[in-house]
PDB file of all heavy atoms in Angstrom:
ATOM      1  N   PHE A   1       3.160 102.895   9.534  1.00  0.00           N
ATOM      2  CA  PHE A   1       4.501 103.251   9.975  1.00  0.00           C
ATOM      3  C   PHE A   1       5.389 103.435   8.763  1.00  0.00           C
ATOM      4  O   PHE A   1       5.439 102.566   7.889  1.00  0.00           O
ATOM      5  CB  PHE A   1       5.006 102.107  10.871  1.00  0.00           C
ATOM      6  CG  PHE A   1       6.292 102.360  11.562  1.00  0.00           C
ATOM      7  CD1 PHE A   1       6.381 103.282  12.588  1.00  0.00           C
ATOM      8  CD2 PHE A   1       7.428 101.652  11.207  1.00  0.00           C
ATOM      9  CE1 PHE A   1       7.578 103.502  13.246  1.00  0.00           C
ATOM     10  CE2 PHE A   1       8.625 101.848  11.856  1.00  0.00           C
ATOM     11  CZ  PHE A   1       8.699 102.786  12.885  1.00  0.00           C
ATOM     12  N   LEU A   2       6.057 104.593   8.663  1.00  0.00           N
ATOM     13  CA  LEU A   2       6.914 104.896   7.509  1.00  0.00           C
ATOM     14  C   LEU A   2       8.332 105.183   7.975  1.00  0.00           C
ATOM     15  O   LEU A   2       8.559 106.074   8.799  1.00  0.00           O
ATOM     16  CB  LEU A   2       6.363 106.110   6.759  1.00  0.00           C
ATOM     17  CG  LEU A   2       7.113 106.550   5.502  1.00  0.00           C
ATOM     18  CD1 LEU A   2       7.004 105.474   4.412  1.00  0.00           C
ATOM     19  CD2 LEU A   2       6.577 107.873   4.989  1.00  0.00           C
ATOM     20  N   CYS A   3       9.290 104.415   7.462  1.00  0.00           N
ATOM     21  CA  CYS A   3      10.708 104.638   7.751  1.00  0.00           C
ATOM     22  C   CYS A   3      11.361 105.249   6.511  1.00  0.00           C
ATOM     23  O   CYS A   3      11.165 104.745   5.400  1.00  0.00           O
ATOM     24  CB  CYS A   3      11.425 103.322   8.066  1.00  0.00           C
ATOM     25  SG  CYS A   3      10.914 102.541   9.609  1.00  0.00           S
ATOM     26  N   THR A   4      12.135 106.319   6.710  1.00  0.00           N
ATOM     27  CA  THR A   4      12.832 106.966   5.598  1.00  0.00           C
ATOM     28  C   THR A   4      14.292 107.179   5.968  1.00  0.00           C
ATOM     29  O   THR A   4      14.592 107.922   6.903  1.00  0.00           O
ATOM     30  CB  THR A   4      12.197 108.326   5.266  1.00  0.00           C
ATOM     31  OG1 THR A   4      10.808 108.157   4.984  1.00  0.00           O
ATOM     32  CG2 THR A   4      12.879 108.956   4.063  1.00  0.00           C
ATOM     33  N   PRO A   5      15.222 106.522   5.261  1.00  0.00           N
ATOM     34  CA  PRO A   5      16.639 106.704   5.568  1.00  0.00           C
ATOM     35  C   PRO A   5      17.120 108.084   5.125  1.00  0.00           C
ATOM     36  O   PRO A   5      16.707 108.598   4.088  1.00  0.00           O
ATOM     37  CB  PRO A   5      17.323 105.588   4.775  1.00  0.00           C
ATOM     38  CG  PRO A   5      16.377 105.290   3.656  1.00  0.00           C
ATOM     39  CD  PRO A   5      15.000 105.551   4.183  1.00  0.00           C
ATOM     40  N   LEU A   6      18.002 108.691   5.919  1.00  0.00           N
ATOM     41  CA  LEU A   6      18.587 109.992   5.598  1.00  0.00           C
ATOM     42  C   LEU A   6      20.073 109.769   5.332  1.00  0.00           C
ATOM     43  O   LEU A   6      20.833 109.446   6.253  1.00  0.00           O
ATOM     44  CB  LEU A   6      18.388 110.970   6.767  1.00  0.00           C
ATOM     45  CG  LEU A   6      16.946 111.141   7.274  1.00  0.00           C
ATOM     46  CD1 LEU A   6      16.903 112.115   8.445  1.00  0.00           C
ATOM     47  CD2 LEU A   6      16.031 111.606   6.153  1.00  0.00           C
ATOM     48  N   SER A   7      20.474 109.925   4.090  1.00  0.00           N
ATOM     49  CA  SER A   7      21.862 109.666   3.713  1.00  0.00           C
ATOM     50  C   SER A   7      22.473 110.898   3.064  1.00  0.00           C
ATOM     51  O   SER A   7      21.790 111.663   2.376  1.00  0.00           O
ATOM     52  CB  SER A   7      21.949 108.487   2.732  1.00  0.00           C
ATOM     53  OG  SER A   7      21.420 107.305   3.314  1.00  0.00           O
ATOM     54  N   VAL A   8      23.764 111.108   3.301  1.00  0.00           N
ATOM     55  CA  VAL A   8      24.513 112.208   2.713  1.00  0.00           C
ATOM     56  C   VAL A   8      25.746 111.631   2.027  1.00  0.00           C
ATOM     57  O   VAL A   8      26.567 110.970   2.670  1.00  0.00           O
ATOM     58  CB  VAL A   8      24.933 113.231   3.794  1.00  0.00           C
ATOM     59  CG1 VAL A   8      25.783 114.333   3.166  1.00  0.00           C
ATOM     60  CG2 VAL A   8      23.715 113.826   4.470  1.00  0.00           C
ATOM     61  N   GLU A   9      25.822 111.838   0.694  1.00  0.00           N
ATOM     62  CA  GLU A   9      26.932 111.322  -0.110  1.00  0.00           C
ATOM     63  C   GLU A   9      27.134 109.828   0.104  1.00  0.00           C
ATOM     64  O   GLU A   9      28.261 109.344   0.268  1.00  0.00           O
ATOM     65  CB  GLU A   9      28.226 112.093   0.210  1.00  0.00           C
ATOM     66  CG  GLU A   9      28.142 113.571  -0.155  1.00  0.00           C
ATOM     67  CD  GLU A   9      29.431 114.312   0.130  1.00  0.00           C
ATOM     68  OE1 GLU A   9      30.340 113.705   0.753  1.00  0.00           O
ATOM     69  OE2 GLU A   9      29.530 115.484  -0.266  1.00  0.00           O
ATOM     70  N   GLY A  10      26.016 109.106   0.140  1.00  0.00           N
ATOM     71  CA  GLY A  10      26.071 107.653   0.264  1.00  0.00           C
ATOM     72  C   GLY A  10      26.284 107.134   1.665  1.00  0.00           C
ATOM     73  O   GLY A  10      26.289 105.919   1.875  1.00  0.00           O
ATOM     74  N   GLN A  11      26.443 108.028   2.626  1.00  0.00           N
ATOM     75  CA  GLN A  11      26.664 107.595   4.011  1.00  0.00           C
ATOM     76  C   GLN A  11      25.397 107.804   4.827  1.00  0.00           C
ATOM     77  O   GLN A  11      24.807 108.884   4.807  1.00  0.00           O
ATOM     78  CB  GLN A  11      27.808 108.384   4.643  1.00  0.00           C
ATOM     79  CG  GLN A  11      28.122 107.949   6.073  1.00  0.00           C
ATOM     80  CD  GLN A  11      29.319 108.691   6.643  1.00  0.00           C
ATOM     81  OE1 GLN A  11      29.953 109.471   5.941  1.00  0.00           O
ATOM     82  NE2 GLN A  11      29.614 108.448   7.908  1.00  0.00           N
ATOM     83  N   LEU A  12      24.964 106.765   5.543  1.00  0.00           N
ATOM     84  CA  LEU A  12      23.751 106.839   6.347  1.00  0.00           C
ATOM     85  C   LEU A  12      23.958 107.774   7.524  1.00  0.00           C
ATOM     86  O   LEU A  12      24.859 107.590   8.331  1.00  0.00           O
ATOM     87  CB  LEU A  12      23.358 105.444   6.848  1.00  0.00           C
ATOM     88  CG  LEU A  12      22.081 105.384   7.707  1.00  0.00           C
ATOM     89  CD1 LEU A  12      20.855 105.727   6.861  1.00  0.00           C
ATOM     90  CD2 LEU A  12      21.926 104.004   8.328  1.00  0.00           C
ATOM     91  N   LEU A  13      23.088 108.793   7.593  1.00  0.00           N
ATOM     92  CA  LEU A  13      23.161 109.751   8.689  1.00  0.00           C
ATOM     93  C   LEU A  13      22.134 109.422   9.773  1.00  0.00           C
ATOM     94  O   LEU A  13      22.404 109.528  10.962  1.00  0.00           O
ATOM     95  CB  LEU A  13      22.904 111.162   8.156  1.00  0.00           C
ATOM     96  CG  LEU A  13      22.978 112.312   9.153  1.00  0.00           C
ATOM     97  CD1 LEU A  13      24.405 112.480   9.647  1.00  0.00           C
ATOM     98  CD2 LEU A  13      22.488 113.604   8.506  1.00  0.00           C
ATOM     99  N   GLY A  14      20.942 109.031   9.333  1.00  0.00           N
ATOM    100  CA  GLY A  14      19.895 108.736  10.308  1.00  0.00           C
ATOM    101  C   GLY A  14      18.689 108.113   9.643  1.00  0.00           C
ATOM    102  O   GLY A  14      18.706 107.767   8.453  1.00  0.00           O
ATOM    103  N   LEU A  15      17.631 107.971  10.424  1.00  0.00           N
ATOM    104  CA  LEU A  15      16.403 107.351   9.948  1.00  0.00           C
ATOM    105  C   LEU A  15      15.214 108.115  10.526  1.00  0.00           C
ATOM    106  O   LEU A  15      15.122 108.311  11.740  1.00  0.00           O
ATOM    107  CB  LEU A  15      16.355 105.885  10.391  1.00  0.00           C
ATOM    108  CG  LEU A  15      15.295 104.987   9.758  1.00  0.00           C
ATOM    109  CD1 LEU A  15      15.557 104.810   8.268  1.00  0.00           C
ATOM    110  CD2 LEU A  15      15.287 103.619  10.443  1.00  0.00           C
ATOM    111  N   LEU A  16      14.344 108.587   9.649  1.00  0.00           N
ATOM    112  CA  LEU A  16      13.155 109.321  10.082  1.00  0.00           C
ATOM    113  C   LEU A  16      11.987 108.358  10.180  1.00  0.00           C
ATOM    114  O   LEU A  16      11.708 107.607   9.249  1.00  0.00           O
ATOM    115  CB  LEU A  16      12.834 110.439   9.082  1.00  0.00           C
ATOM    116  CG  LEU A  16      11.602 111.296   9.371  1.00  0.00           C
ATOM    117  CD1 LEU A  16      11.764 112.058  10.681  1.00  0.00           C
ATOM    118  CD2 LEU A  16      11.358 112.276   8.218  1.00  0.00           C
ATOM    119  N   HIS A  17      11.295 108.362  11.313  1.00  0.00           N
ATOM    120  CA  HIS A  17      10.143 107.493  11.544  1.00  0.00           C
ATOM    121  C   HIS A  17       8.874 108.338  11.606  1.00  0.00           C
ATOM    122  O   HIS A  17       8.832 109.363  12.299  1.00  0.00           O
ATOM    123  CB  HIS A  17      10.263 106.748  12.882  1.00  0.00           C
ATOM    124  CG  HIS A  17      11.554 106.015  13.055  1.00  0.00           C
ATOM    125  ND1 HIS A  17      11.826 104.828  12.421  1.00  0.00           N
ATOM    126  CD2 HIS A  17      12.655 106.308  13.798  1.00  0.00           C
ATOM    127  CE1 HIS A  17      13.031 104.408  12.772  1.00  0.00           C
ATOM    128  NE2 HIS A  17      13.556 105.301  13.607  1.00  0.00           N
ATOM    129  N   LEU A  18       7.833 107.928  10.900  1.00  0.00           N
ATOM    130  CA  LEU A  18       6.530 108.579  10.978  1.00  0.00           C
ATOM    131  C   LEU A  18       5.471 107.497  11.135  1.00  0.00           C
ATOM    132  O   LEU A  18       5.526 106.473  10.456  1.00  0.00           O
ATOM    133  CB  LEU A  18       6.232 109.398   9.716  1.00  0.00           C
ATOM    134  CG  LEU A  18       7.125 110.610   9.439  1.00  0.00           C
ATOM    135  CD1 LEU A  18       6.766 111.220   8.089  1.00  0.00           C
ATOM    136  CD2 LEU A  18       7.000 111.639  10.547  1.00  0.00           C
ATOM    137  N   GLY A  19       4.516 107.722  12.011  1.00  0.00           N
ATOM    138  CA  GLY A  19       3.464 106.730  12.203  1.00  0.00           C
ATOM    139  C   GLY A  19       2.213 107.355  12.762  1.00  0.00           C
ATOM    140  O   GLY A  19       2.269 108.398  13.413  1.00  0.00           O
ATOM    141  N   ASP A  20       1.046 106.752  12.484  1.00  0.00           N
ATOM    142  CA  ASP A  20      -0.187 107.290  13.052  1.00  0.00           C
ATOM    143  C   ASP A  20      -0.381 106.822  14.485  1.00  0.00           C
ATOM    144  O   ASP A  20      -1.165 107.384  15.231  1.00  0.00           O
ATOM    145  CB  ASP A  20      -1.400 106.943  12.192  1.00  0.00           C
ATOM    146  CG  ASP A  20      -1.647 105.440  12.064  1.00  0.00           C
ATOM    147  OD1 ASP A  20      -1.084 104.673  12.860  1.00  0.00           O
ATOM    148  OD2 ASP A  20      -2.412 105.045  11.175  1.00  0.00           O
ATOM    149  N   GLY A  21       0.319 105.776  14.870  1.00  0.00           N
ATOM    150  CA  GLY A  21       0.319 105.344  16.264  1.00  0.00           C
ATOM    151  C   GLY A  21      -0.947 104.675  16.733  1.00  0.00           C
ATOM    152  O   GLY A  21      -0.996 104.068  17.780  1.00  0.00           O
ATOM    153  N   ALA A  22      -2.020 104.776  15.937  1.00  0.00           N
ATOM    154  CA  ALA A  22      -3.290 104.218  16.401  1.00  0.00           C
ATOM    155  C   ALA A  22      -3.943 103.330  15.369  1.00  0.00           C
ATOM    156  O   ALA A  22      -4.955 102.710  15.619  1.00  0.00           O
ATOM    157  CB  ALA A  22      -4.245 105.351  16.780  1.00  0.00           C
ATOM    158  N   GLY A  23      -3.374 103.286  14.153  1.00  0.00           N
ATOM    159  CA  GLY A  23      -3.953 102.456  13.106  1.00  0.00           C
ATOM    160  C   GLY A  23      -5.222 103.033  12.520  1.00  0.00           C
ATOM    161  O   GLY A  23      -6.033 102.314  11.972  1.00  0.00           O
ATOM    162  N   THR A  24      -5.405 104.353  12.630  1.00  0.00           N
ATOM    163  CA  THR A  24      -6.610 104.978  12.097  1.00  0.00           C
ATOM    164  C   THR A  24      -6.240 105.927  10.985  1.00  0.00           C
ATOM    165  O   THR A  24      -5.227 106.609  11.029  1.00  0.00           O
ATOM    166  CB  THR A  24      -7.353 105.768  13.185  1.00  0.00           C
ATOM    167  OG1 THR A  24      -6.448 106.746  13.734  1.00  0.00           O
ATOM    168  CG2 THR A  24      -7.827 104.850  14.281  1.00  0.00           C
ATOM    169  N   GLY A  25      -7.086 105.987   9.948  1.00  0.00           N
ATOM    170  CA  GLY A  25      -6.872 106.931   8.862  1.00  0.00           C
ATOM    171  C   GLY A  25      -5.799 106.450   7.902  1.00  0.00           C
ATOM    172  O   GLY A  25      -5.096 105.487   8.134  1.00  0.00           O
ATOM    173  N   ASP A  26      -5.674 107.150   6.774  1.00  0.00           N
ATOM    174  CA  ASP A  26      -4.703 106.802   5.757  1.00  0.00           C
ATOM    175  C   ASP A  26      -3.718 107.939   5.524  1.00  0.00           C
ATOM    176  O   ASP A  26      -3.239 108.154   4.426  1.00  0.00           O
ATOM    177  CB  ASP A  26      -5.420 106.471   4.432  1.00  0.00           C
ATOM    178  CG  ASP A  26      -6.271 105.219   4.545  1.00  0.00           C
ATOM    179  OD1 ASP A  26      -5.822 104.276   5.211  1.00  0.00           O
ATOM    180  OD2 ASP A  26      -7.358 105.180   3.974  1.00  0.00           O
ATOM    181  N   ALA A  27      -3.405 108.699   6.585  1.00  0.00           N
ATOM    182  CA  ALA A  27      -2.573 109.881   6.425  1.00  0.00           C
ATOM    183  C   ALA A  27      -1.223 109.543   5.791  1.00  0.00           C
ATOM    184  O   ALA A  27      -0.721 110.279   4.959  1.00  0.00           O
ATOM    185  CB  ALA A  27      -2.366 110.560   7.778  1.00  0.00           C
TER     186      ALA A  27
END
């Protein structure tokens, strides 16, 4: 599971989540 904050000029806009969902592979 990878969380990446999205900020513009120091202000938090959002958070992008990426995950394999199954615990398989090293993508």
